[in-house]
Amino acid sequence: MNDLYAESDVWADLANIPADPPKMREICCNCKRPVPVCWCSALPPKPLVPKSRVILLQHPAEEKRALRTAPMLSVGLALGKCLIYKGKKFPKFDSELEAILSAKNSVLLYPSVNSIPIEQLDLSEGPYNLILLDGTWPQAKAIYTSSSILHGMRQVKLISSGNSSYIIRTQPTDGCLSTLETAIEALSILEQDNCYRQQLLQPLHALCQFQLEKGAVTHQSKEFLIKHNQYPKLIGRRLNKLLRNADHLKDHRDESEEKQ
């Protein structure tokens, strides 16, 4: 019996030994990334100050992603030039956001049937509030569907966007861009200044380089993999529709280039 008590005392003593706290990596106070993979050194020397401003309506799940591009935009632009609102439905009783979304100079960057090429905006009516939906394509579509205030907004789209520099992430189709890249392209057009492409993309290049050095590989789009019989999964109706829309958009681009 004494042996049993002795053994229980030993286990009790062991259970009360405090566990070593996990070693926490030092975090950059600016980008909130671990210091060894901080991309702040690639930011513009001074935050850029566009006349227009970017407003991100961000799906809550996007904040949990480790490799996000929205922070590069919020710290690469001057204070107040990139506003982020989180949620699944907007304006969500936010009077400040409602005023922004209702303003005459606000435009929604979204590829609906009513969207016009962003180049067709009258720049004399600016500066603009450029509204972007930040999340995966299904998340962005869900935000749009559930937020009726967005349906009545002027809507614009990017026509010639090129391929994404976010090469460590699989995009649905060739020409799909990250939130950062979409905002950069739009700002470059609205501000008529190529410095946004030249300077704001550098943190994304740095991020991709960090990941590649740690074993990540470059990704082709799902569209590319499907066309080359390399996609490992069955194609669902949503992806099939997205690919058809991408082909239609490319045909439209080709026709525009031929007319020019």
C-alpha atoms as a PDB file:
ATOM      1  CA  MET A   1       0.000   0.000   0.000  1.00  0.00           C
ATOM      2  CA  ASN A   2       2.837   2.367   0.913  1.00  0.00           C
ATOM      3  CA  ASP A   3       4.393   1.641  -2.491  1.00  0.00           C
ATOM      4  CA  LEU A   4       1.156   2.696  -4.197  1.00  0.00           C
ATOM      5  CA  TYR A   5       1.074   5.978  -2.273  1.00  0.00           C
ATOM      6  CA  ALA A   6       4.705   6.584  -3.096  1.00  0.00           C
ATOM      7  CA  GLU A   7       4.083   5.968  -6.792  1.00  0.00           C
ATOM      8  CA  SER A   8       1.055   8.303  -6.839  1.00  0.00           C
ATOM      9  CA  ASP A   9       3.120  10.985  -5.119  1.00  0.00           C
ATOM     10  CA  VAL A  10       5.770  10.666  -7.829  1.00  0.00           C
ATOM     11  CA  TRP A  11       3.198  11.049 -10.589  1.00  0.00           C
ATOM     12  CA  ALA A  12       1.648  14.029  -8.813  1.00  0.00           C
ATOM     13  CA  ASP A  13       5.037  15.681  -8.584  1.00  0.00           C
ATOM     14  CA  LEU A  14       5.659  15.059 -12.280  1.00  0.00           C
ATOM     15  CA  ALA A  15       2.256  16.460 -13.217  1.00  0.00           C
ATOM     16  CA  ASN A  16       3.007  19.661 -11.329  1.00  0.00           C
ATOM     17  CA  ILE A  17       6.262  20.316 -13.158  1.00  0.00           C
ATOM     18  CA  PRO A  18       5.559  23.307 -15.429  1.00  0.00           C
ATOM     19  CA  ALA A  19       6.039  22.647 -19.128  1.00  0.00           C
ATOM     20  CA  ASP A  20       8.678  24.656 -20.904  1.00  0.00           C
ATOM     21  CA  PRO A  21       6.969  27.533 -22.701  1.00  0.00           C
ATOM     22  CA  PRO A  22       7.152  27.254 -26.496  1.00  0.00           C
ATOM     23  CA  LYS A  23       9.840  29.359 -28.072  1.00  0.00           C
ATOM     24  CA  MET A  24       8.103  32.270 -29.764  1.00  0.00           C
ATOM     25  CA  ARG A  25       9.564  33.668 -32.931  1.00  0.00           C
ATOM     26  CA  GLU A  26      10.171  37.401 -32.937  1.00  0.00           C
ATOM     27  CA  ILE A  27       7.401  39.132 -34.883  1.00  0.00           C
ATOM     28  CA  CYS A  28       7.811  42.284 -36.972  1.00  0.00           C
ATOM     29  CA  CYS A  29       5.589  45.010 -35.504  1.00  0.00           C
ATOM     30  CA  ASN A  30       4.863  46.393 -38.982  1.00  0.00           C
ATOM     31  CA  CYS A  31       3.913  43.421 -41.177  1.00  0.00           C
ATOM     32  CA  LYS A  32       3.207  40.990 -38.285  1.00  0.00           C
ATOM     33  CA  ARG A  33       5.386  38.356 -39.959  1.00  0.00           C
ATOM     34  CA  PRO A  34       8.212  36.436 -38.244  1.00  0.00           C
ATOM     35  CA  VAL A  35      11.332  38.576 -38.496  1.00  0.00           C
ATOM     36  CA  PRO A  36      13.319  36.056 -40.620  1.00  0.00           C
ATOM     37  CA  VAL A  37      10.628  36.236 -43.327  1.00  0.00           C
ATOM     38  CA  CYS A  38       9.631  39.886 -42.905  1.00  0.00           C
ATOM     39  CA  TRP A  39       9.132  41.621 -46.264  1.00  0.00           C
ATOM     40  CA  CYS A  40       9.198  45.207 -44.938  1.00  0.00           C
ATOM     41  CA  SER A  41      12.611  45.882 -46.470  1.00  0.00           C
ATOM     42  CA  ALA A  42      10.938  45.517 -49.888  1.00  0.00           C
ATOM     43  CA  LEU A  43       8.299  48.185 -49.172  1.00  0.00           C
ATOM     44  CA  PRO A  44       8.492  51.598 -50.863  1.00  0.00           C
ATOM     45  CA  PRO A  45      10.987  53.934 -49.125  1.00  0.00           C
ATOM     46  CA  LYS A  46       7.975  56.040 -48.122  1.00  0.00           C
ATOM     47  CA  PRO A  47       4.311  54.968 -48.182  1.00  0.00           C
ATOM     48  CA  LEU A  48       2.742  55.938 -51.496  1.00  0.00           C
ATOM     49  CA  VAL A  49       0.048  58.617 -51.460  1.00  0.00           C
ATOM     50  CA  PRO A  50      -2.509  58.104 -54.252  1.00  0.00           C
ATOM     51  CA  LYS A  51      -5.355  60.563 -54.753  1.00  0.00           C
ATOM     52  CA  SER A  52      -7.831  57.677 -54.727  1.00  0.00           C
ATOM     53  CA  ARG A  53      -8.118  55.245 -51.854  1.00  0.00           C
ATOM     54  CA  VAL A  54      -8.678  51.494 -51.599  1.00  0.00           C
ATOM     55  CA  ILE A  55     -11.406  49.987 -49.425  1.00  0.00           C
ATOM     56  CA  LEU A  56     -11.183  46.241 -48.806  1.00  0.00           C
ATOM     57  CA  LEU A  57     -14.283  44.303 -47.765  1.00  0.00           C
ATOM     58  CA  GLN A  58     -12.482  41.323 -46.279  1.00  0.00           C
ATOM     59  CA  HIS A  59     -13.990  37.909 -45.584  1.00  0.00           C
ATOM     60  CA  PRO A  60     -13.176  36.862 -41.974  1.00  0.00           C
ATOM     61  CA  ALA A  61     -11.463  33.666 -43.165  1.00  0.00           C
ATOM     62  CA  GLU A  62      -8.932  35.711 -45.132  1.00  0.00           C
ATOM     63  CA  GLU A  63      -7.377  37.095 -41.944  1.00  0.00           C
ATOM     64  CA  LYS A  64      -6.399  33.561 -40.870  1.00  0.00           C
ATOM     65  CA  ARG A  65      -4.372  32.867 -43.996  1.00  0.00           C
ATOM     66  CA  ALA A  66      -0.628  32.811 -43.375  1.00  0.00           C
ATOM     67  CA  LEU A  67       0.321  34.175 -46.794  1.00  0.00           C
ATOM     68  CA  ARG A  68      -1.913  37.184 -47.308  1.00  0.00           C
ATOM     69  CA  THR A  69      -1.252  40.109 -49.626  1.00  0.00           C
ATOM     70  CA  ALA A  70      -3.675  42.696 -48.195  1.00  0.00           C
ATOM     71  CA  PRO A  71      -1.217  43.768 -45.430  1.00  0.00           C
ATOM     72  CA  MET A  72       1.315  44.683 -48.109  1.00  0.00           C
ATOM     73  CA  LEU A  73      -1.219  47.134 -49.459  1.00  0.00           C
ATOM     74  CA  SER A  74      -2.219  48.610 -46.090  1.00  0.00           C
ATOM     75  CA  VAL A  75       1.391  49.347 -45.056  1.00  0.00           C
ATOM     76  CA  GLY A  76       2.617  50.255 -48.554  1.00  0.00           C
ATOM     77  CA  LEU A  77       0.064  53.066 -48.872  1.00  0.00           C
ATOM     78  CA  ALA A  78      -0.140  56.164 -46.682  1.00  0.00           C
ATOM     79  CA  LEU A  79      -2.360  56.174 -43.609  1.00  0.00           C
ATOM     80  CA  GLY A  80      -6.024  56.400 -44.594  1.00  0.00           C
ATOM     81  CA  LYS A  81      -5.419  55.329 -48.197  1.00  0.00           C
ATOM     82  CA  CYS A  82      -6.253  51.665 -47.532  1.00  0.00           C
ATOM     83  CA  LEU A  83      -9.218  50.890 -45.293  1.00  0.00           C
ATOM     84  CA  ILE A  84     -10.131  47.315 -44.322  1.00  0.00           C
ATOM     85  CA  TYR A  85     -13.583  46.250 -43.136  1.00  0.00           C
ATOM     86  CA  LYS A  86     -14.139  42.632 -42.081  1.00  0.00           C
ATOM     87  CA  GLY A  87     -17.345  40.682 -42.480  1.00  0.00           C
ATOM     88  CA  LYS A  88     -19.541  38.524 -44.689  1.00  0.00           C
ATOM     89  CA  LYS A  89     -22.246  41.127 -45.277  1.00  0.00           C
ATOM     90  CA  PHE A  90     -21.910  44.892 -45.613  1.00  0.00           C
ATOM     91  CA  PRO A  91     -22.314  47.667 -44.529  1.00  0.00           C
ATOM     92  CA  LYS A  92     -23.314  45.811 -41.326  1.00  0.00           C
ATOM     93  CA  PHE A  93     -24.654  48.836 -39.425  1.00  0.00           C
ATOM     94  CA  ASP A  94     -21.446  50.790 -40.072  1.00  0.00           C
ATOM     95  CA  SER A  95     -22.477  54.334 -40.964  1.00  0.00           C
ATOM     96  CA  GLU A  96     -18.977  55.334 -42.085  1.00  0.00           C
ATOM     97  CA  LEU A  97     -18.736  52.406 -44.518  1.00  0.00           C
ATOM     98  CA  GLU A  98     -22.314  52.951 -45.715  1.00  0.00           C
ATOM     99  CA  ALA A  99     -21.424  56.541 -46.573  1.00  0.00           C
ATOM    100  CA  ILE A 100     -18.376  55.356 -48.534  1.00  0.00           C
ATOM    101  CA  LEU A 101     -20.318  52.714 -50.468  1.00  0.00           C
ATOM    102  CA  SER A 102     -23.088  55.212 -51.270  1.00  0.00           C
ATOM    103  CA  ALA A 103     -20.749  57.974 -52.428  1.00  0.00           C
ATOM    104  CA  LYS A 104     -20.899  59.021 -56.090  1.00  0.00           C
ATOM    105  CA  ASN A 105     -17.156  58.606 -56.478  1.00  0.00           C
ATOM    106  CA  SER A 106     -17.133  54.992 -55.214  1.00  0.00           C
ATOM    107  CA  VAL A 107     -16.688  52.134 -57.683  1.00  0.00           C
ATOM    108  CA  LEU A 108     -16.739  48.390 -57.094  1.00  0.00           C
ATOM    109  CA  LEU A 109     -14.085  46.301 -58.794  1.00  0.00           C
ATOM    110  CA  TYR A 110     -16.118  43.196 -59.600  1.00  0.00           C
ATOM    111  CA  PRO A 111     -16.553  41.245 -62.872  1.00  0.00           C
ATOM    112  CA  SER A 112     -20.349  41.405 -63.180  1.00  0.00           C
ATOM    113  CA  VAL A 113     -22.334  41.708 -66.414  1.00  0.00           C
ATOM    114  CA  ASN A 114     -22.685  45.424 -65.699  1.00  0.00           C
ATOM    115  CA  SER A 115     -18.969  46.066 -65.194  1.00  0.00           C
ATOM    116  CA  ILE A 116     -17.142  48.393 -67.543  1.00  0.00           C
ATOM    117  CA  PRO A 117     -13.372  48.443 -68.128  1.00  0.00           C
ATOM    118  CA  ILE A 118     -11.804  50.629 -65.465  1.00  0.00           C
ATOM    119  CA  GLU A 119     -10.062  52.599 -68.221  1.00  0.00           C
ATOM    120  CA  GLN A 120     -13.473  53.969 -69.231  1.00  0.00           C
ATOM    121  CA  LEU A 121     -13.949  55.851 -65.955  1.00  0.00           C
ATOM    122  CA  ASP A 122     -13.887  59.624 -66.264  1.00  0.00           C
ATOM    123  CA  LEU A 123     -10.830  60.561 -64.208  1.00  0.00           C
ATOM    124  CA  SER A 124     -12.121  64.115 -63.817  1.00  0.00           C
ATOM    125  CA  GLU A 125     -14.837  62.686 -61.523  1.00  0.00           C
ATOM    126  CA  GLY A 126     -12.193  61.323 -59.156  1.00  0.00           C
ATOM    127  CA  PRO A 127     -10.467  60.762 -56.894  1.00  0.00           C
ATOM    128  CA  TYR A 128     -12.280  57.470 -56.440  1.00  0.00           C
ATOM    129  CA  ASN A 129     -13.036  55.096 -53.611  1.00  0.00           C
ATOM    130  CA  LEU A 130     -11.992  51.767 -55.091  1.00  0.00           C
ATOM    131  CA  ILE A 131     -13.914  48.935 -53.423  1.00  0.00           C
ATOM    132  CA  LEU A 132     -12.419  45.413 -53.553  1.00  0.00           C
ATOM    133  CA  LEU A 133     -13.735  42.135 -52.131  1.00  0.00           C
ATOM    134  CA  ASP A 134     -10.887  40.338 -50.350  1.00  0.00           C
ATOM    135  CA  GLY A 135     -11.172  36.547 -50.201  1.00  0.00           C
ATOM    136  CA  THR A 136     -11.320  33.492 -52.423  1.00  0.00           C
ATOM    137  CA  TRP A 137     -13.601  33.736 -55.442  1.00  0.00           C
ATOM    138  CA  PRO A 138     -16.482  31.840 -53.689  1.00  0.00           C
ATOM    139  CA  GLN A 139     -16.078  34.080 -50.610  1.00  0.00           C
ATOM    140  CA  ALA A 140     -16.066  37.248 -52.709  1.00  0.00           C
ATOM    141  CA  LYS A 141     -19.141  36.088 -54.605  1.00  0.00           C
ATOM    142  CA  ALA A 142     -20.913  35.319 -51.310  1.00  0.00           C
ATOM    143  CA  ILE A 143     -20.114  38.803 -49.981  1.00  0.00           C
ATOM    144  CA  TYR A 144     -21.465  40.375 -53.168  1.00  0.00           C
ATOM    145  CA  THR A 145     -24.626  38.275 -53.138  1.00  0.00           C
ATOM    146  CA  SER A 146     -25.442  39.035 -49.498  1.00  0.00           C
ATOM    147  CA  SER A 147     -24.617  42.777 -49.640  1.00  0.00           C
ATOM    148  CA  SER A 148     -27.411  44.439 -51.608  1.00  0.00           C
ATOM    149  CA  ILE A 149     -25.795  47.869 -51.346  1.00  0.00           C
ATOM    150  CA  LEU A 150     -23.051  46.638 -53.703  1.00  0.00           C
ATOM    151  CA  HIS A 151     -25.511  45.748 -56.464  1.00  0.00           C
ATOM    152  CA  GLY A 152     -26.394  49.359 -57.203  1.00  0.00           C
ATOM    153  CA  MET A 153     -22.809  50.610 -57.299  1.00  0.00           C
ATOM    154  CA  ARG A 154     -20.888  51.508 -60.437  1.00  0.00           C
ATOM    155  CA  GLN A 155     -18.878  48.412 -61.241  1.00  0.00           C
ATOM    156  CA  VAL A 156     -15.581  48.174 -63.084  1.00  0.00           C
ATOM    157  CA  LYS A 157     -13.259  45.385 -64.162  1.00  0.00           C
ATOM    158  CA  LEU A 158      -9.684  44.866 -65.283  1.00  0.00           C
ATOM    159  CA  ILE A 159      -9.346  43.762 -68.887  1.00  0.00           C
ATOM    160  CA  SER A 160      -5.615  43.317 -69.447  1.00  0.00           C
ATOM    161  CA  SER A 161      -4.149  42.082 -66.184  1.00  0.00           C
ATOM    162  CA  GLY A 162      -1.452  39.575 -67.212  1.00  0.00           C
ATOM    163  CA  ASN A 163      -0.502  36.598 -65.079  1.00  0.00           C
ATOM    164  CA  SER A 164      -0.103  36.720 -61.321  1.00  0.00           C
ATOM    165  CA  SER A 165       3.274  37.211 -59.649  1.00  0.00           C
ATOM    166  CA  TYR A 166       1.931  35.192 -56.714  1.00  0.00           C
ATOM    167  CA  ILE A 167       3.652  32.115 -58.103  1.00  0.00           C
ATOM    168  CA  ILE A 168       3.511  30.024 -54.911  1.00  0.00           C
ATOM    169  CA  ARG A 169      -0.295  29.972 -54.917  1.00  0.00           C
ATOM    170  CA  THR A 170      -2.548  28.130 -57.361  1.00  0.00           C
ATOM    171  CA  GLN A 171      -4.904  30.538 -59.138  1.00  0.00           C
ATOM    172  CA  PRO A 172      -8.184  29.351 -60.714  1.00  0.00           C
ATOM    173  CA  THR A 173      -7.323  30.661 -64.180  1.00  0.00           C
ATOM    174  CA  ASP A 174      -4.512  32.413 -65.986  1.00  0.00           C
ATOM    175  CA  GLY A 175      -5.007  36.129 -65.409  1.00  0.00           C
ATOM    176  CA  CYS A 176      -6.438  35.814 -61.881  1.00  0.00           C
ATOM    177  CA  LEU A 177      -4.682  38.187 -59.510  1.00  0.00           C
ATOM    178  CA  SER A 178      -4.252  38.463 -55.758  1.00  0.00           C
ATOM    179  CA  THR A 179      -5.932  41.299 -53.856  1.00  0.00           C
ATOM    180  CA  LEU A 180      -2.658  43.234 -53.824  1.00  0.00           C
ATOM    181  CA  GLU A 181      -2.084  42.853 -57.563  1.00  0.00           C
ATOM    182  CA  THR A 182      -5.675  43.782 -58.407  1.00  0.00           C
ATOM    183  CA  ALA A 183      -5.449  46.962 -56.335  1.00  0.00           C
ATOM    184  CA  ILE A 184      -2.063  47.838 -57.855  1.00  0.00           C
ATOM    185  CA  GLU A 185      -3.345  47.477 -61.419  1.00  0.00           C
ATOM    186  CA  ALA A 186      -6.417  49.554 -60.664  1.00  0.00           C
ATOM    187  CA  LEU A 187      -4.448  52.276 -58.862  1.00  0.00           C
ATOM    188  CA  SER A 188      -1.900  52.445 -61.681  1.00  0.00           C
ATOM    189  CA  ILE A 189      -4.747  53.175 -64.096  1.00  0.00           C
ATOM    190  CA  LEU A 190      -6.628  55.635 -61.875  1.00  0.00           C
ATOM    191  CA  GLU A 191      -3.476  57.503 -60.826  1.00  0.00           C
ATOM    192  CA  GLN A 192      -1.867  57.198 -64.271  1.00  0.00           C
ATOM    193  CA  ASP A 193       1.388  56.347 -62.534  1.00  0.00           C
ATOM    194  CA  ASN A 194       3.413  53.172 -63.016  1.00  0.00           C
ATOM    195  CA  CYS A 195       5.203  53.573 -59.657  1.00  0.00           C
ATOM    196  CA  TYR A 196       2.447  51.518 -58.016  1.00  0.00           C
ATOM    197  CA  ARG A 197       3.387  48.499 -60.125  1.00  0.00           C
ATOM    198  CA  GLN A 198       7.094  49.103 -59.662  1.00  0.00           C
ATOM    199  CA  GLN A 199       7.108  49.576 -55.877  1.00  0.00           C
ATOM    200  CA  LEU A 200       4.092  47.835 -54.336  1.00  0.00           C
ATOM    201  CA  LEU A 201       4.814  44.483 -56.004  1.00  0.00           C
ATOM    202  CA  GLN A 202       8.253  44.160 -54.416  1.00  0.00           C
ATOM    203  CA  PRO A 203       7.002  42.755 -51.057  1.00  0.00           C
ATOM    204  CA  LEU A 204       5.100  40.034 -52.942  1.00  0.00           C
ATOM    205  CA  HIS A 205       8.259  39.101 -54.844  1.00  0.00           C
ATOM    206  CA  ALA A 206      10.149  38.962 -51.541  1.00  0.00           C
ATOM    207  CA  LEU A 207       7.466  36.763 -49.947  1.00  0.00           C
ATOM    208  CA  CYS A 208       7.546  34.315 -52.855  1.00  0.00           C
ATOM    209  CA  GLN A 209      11.346  34.197 -52.753  1.00  0.00           C
ATOM    210  CA  PHE A 210      11.326  33.418 -48.999  1.00  0.00           C
ATOM    211  CA  GLN A 211       8.889  30.554 -49.545  1.00  0.00           C
ATOM    212  CA  LEU A 212      10.761  29.139 -52.539  1.00  0.00           C
ATOM    213  CA  GLU A 213      13.997  29.114 -50.534  1.00  0.00           C
ATOM    214  CA  LYS A 214      12.190  27.110 -47.837  1.00  0.00           C
ATOM    215  CA  GLY A 215      10.971  24.436 -50.229  1.00  0.00           C
ATOM    216  CA  ALA A 216       7.836  25.869 -51.803  1.00  0.00           C
ATOM    217  CA  VAL A 217       7.348  25.289 -55.521  1.00  0.00           C
ATOM    218  CA  THR A 218       5.912  27.482 -58.255  1.00  0.00           C
ATOM    219  CA  HIS A 219       2.266  26.801 -59.089  1.00  0.00           C
ATOM    220  CA  GLN A 220       0.530  26.803 -62.433  1.00  0.00           C
ATOM    221  CA  SER A 221      -3.130  27.842 -62.552  1.00  0.00           C
ATOM    222  CA  LYS A 222      -5.883  25.235 -62.424  1.00  0.00           C
ATOM    223  CA  GLU A 223      -6.753  26.271 -65.964  1.00  0.00           C
ATOM    224  CA  PHE A 224      -3.221  25.426 -67.138  1.00  0.00           C
ATOM    225  CA  LEU A 225      -3.189  22.087 -65.298  1.00  0.00           C
ATOM    226  CA  ILE A 226      -6.573  21.078 -66.697  1.00  0.00           C
ATOM    227  CA  LYS A 227      -5.653  21.960 -70.264  1.00  0.00           C
ATOM    228  CA  HIS A 228      -2.460  19.903 -69.943  1.00  0.00           C
ATOM    229  CA  ASN A 229      -4.181  16.949 -68.233  1.00  0.00           C
ATOM    230  CA  GLN A 230      -2.244  17.526 -65.001  1.00  0.00           C
ATOM    231  CA  TYR A 231      -5.099  18.469 -62.662  1.00  0.00           C
ATOM    232  CA  PRO A 232      -5.559  15.654 -60.091  1.00  0.00           C
ATOM    233  CA  LYS A 233      -9.231  16.284 -59.227  1.00  0.00           C
ATOM    234  CA  LEU A 234     -12.585  16.171 -60.977  1.00  0.00           C
ATOM    235  CA  ILE A 235     -13.756  19.539 -62.292  1.00  0.00           C
ATOM    236  CA  GLY A 236     -16.880  20.865 -60.575  1.00  0.00           C
ATOM    237  CA  ARG A 237     -19.539  23.005 -62.211  1.00  0.00           C
ATOM    238  CA  ARG A 238     -18.268  26.202 -60.554  1.00  0.00           C
ATOM    239  CA  LEU A 239     -14.719  25.759 -61.836  1.00  0.00           C
ATOM    240  CA  ASN A 240     -15.983  24.713 -65.253  1.00  0.00           C
ATOM    241  CA  LYS A 241     -18.070  27.902 -65.463  1.00  0.00           C
ATOM    242  CA  LEU A 242     -15.113  30.003 -64.324  1.00  0.00           C
ATOM    243  CA  LEU A 243     -12.920  28.514 -67.036  1.00  0.00           C
ATOM    244  CA  ARG A 244     -15.568  29.194 -69.693  1.00  0.00           C
ATOM    245  CA  ASN A 245     -15.837  32.797 -68.528  1.00  0.00           C
ATOM    246  CA  ALA A 246     -12.041  33.123 -68.658  1.00  0.00           C
ATOM    247  CA  ASP A 247     -11.992  31.835 -72.246  1.00  0.00           C
ATOM    248  CA  HIS A 248     -14.736  34.317 -73.166  1.00  0.00           C
ATOM    249  CA  LEU A 249     -12.763  37.170 -71.606  1.00  0.00           C
ATOM    250  CA  LYS A 250      -9.628  36.161 -73.498  1.00  0.00           C
ATOM    251  CA  ASP A 251     -11.563  36.113 -76.770  1.00  0.00           C
ATOM    252  CA  HIS A 252     -12.820  39.612 -75.955  1.00  0.00           C
ATOM    253  CA  ARG A 253      -9.251  40.780 -75.292  1.00  0.00           C
ATOM    254  CA  ASP A 254      -8.059  39.301 -78.587  1.00  0.00           C
ATOM    255  CA  GLU A 255     -10.845  41.040 -80.484  1.00  0.00           C
ATOM    256  CA  SER A 256      -9.996  44.361 -78.819  1.00  0.00           C
ATOM    257  CA  GLU A 257      -6.312  43.986 -79.709  1.00  0.00           C
ATOM    258  CA  GLU A 258      -7.157  43.166 -83.321  1.00  0.00           C
ATOM    259  CA  LYS A 259      -9.329  46.311 -83.594  1.00  0.00           C
ATOM    260  CA  GLN A 260      -6.482  48.402 -82.217  1.00  0.00           C
END
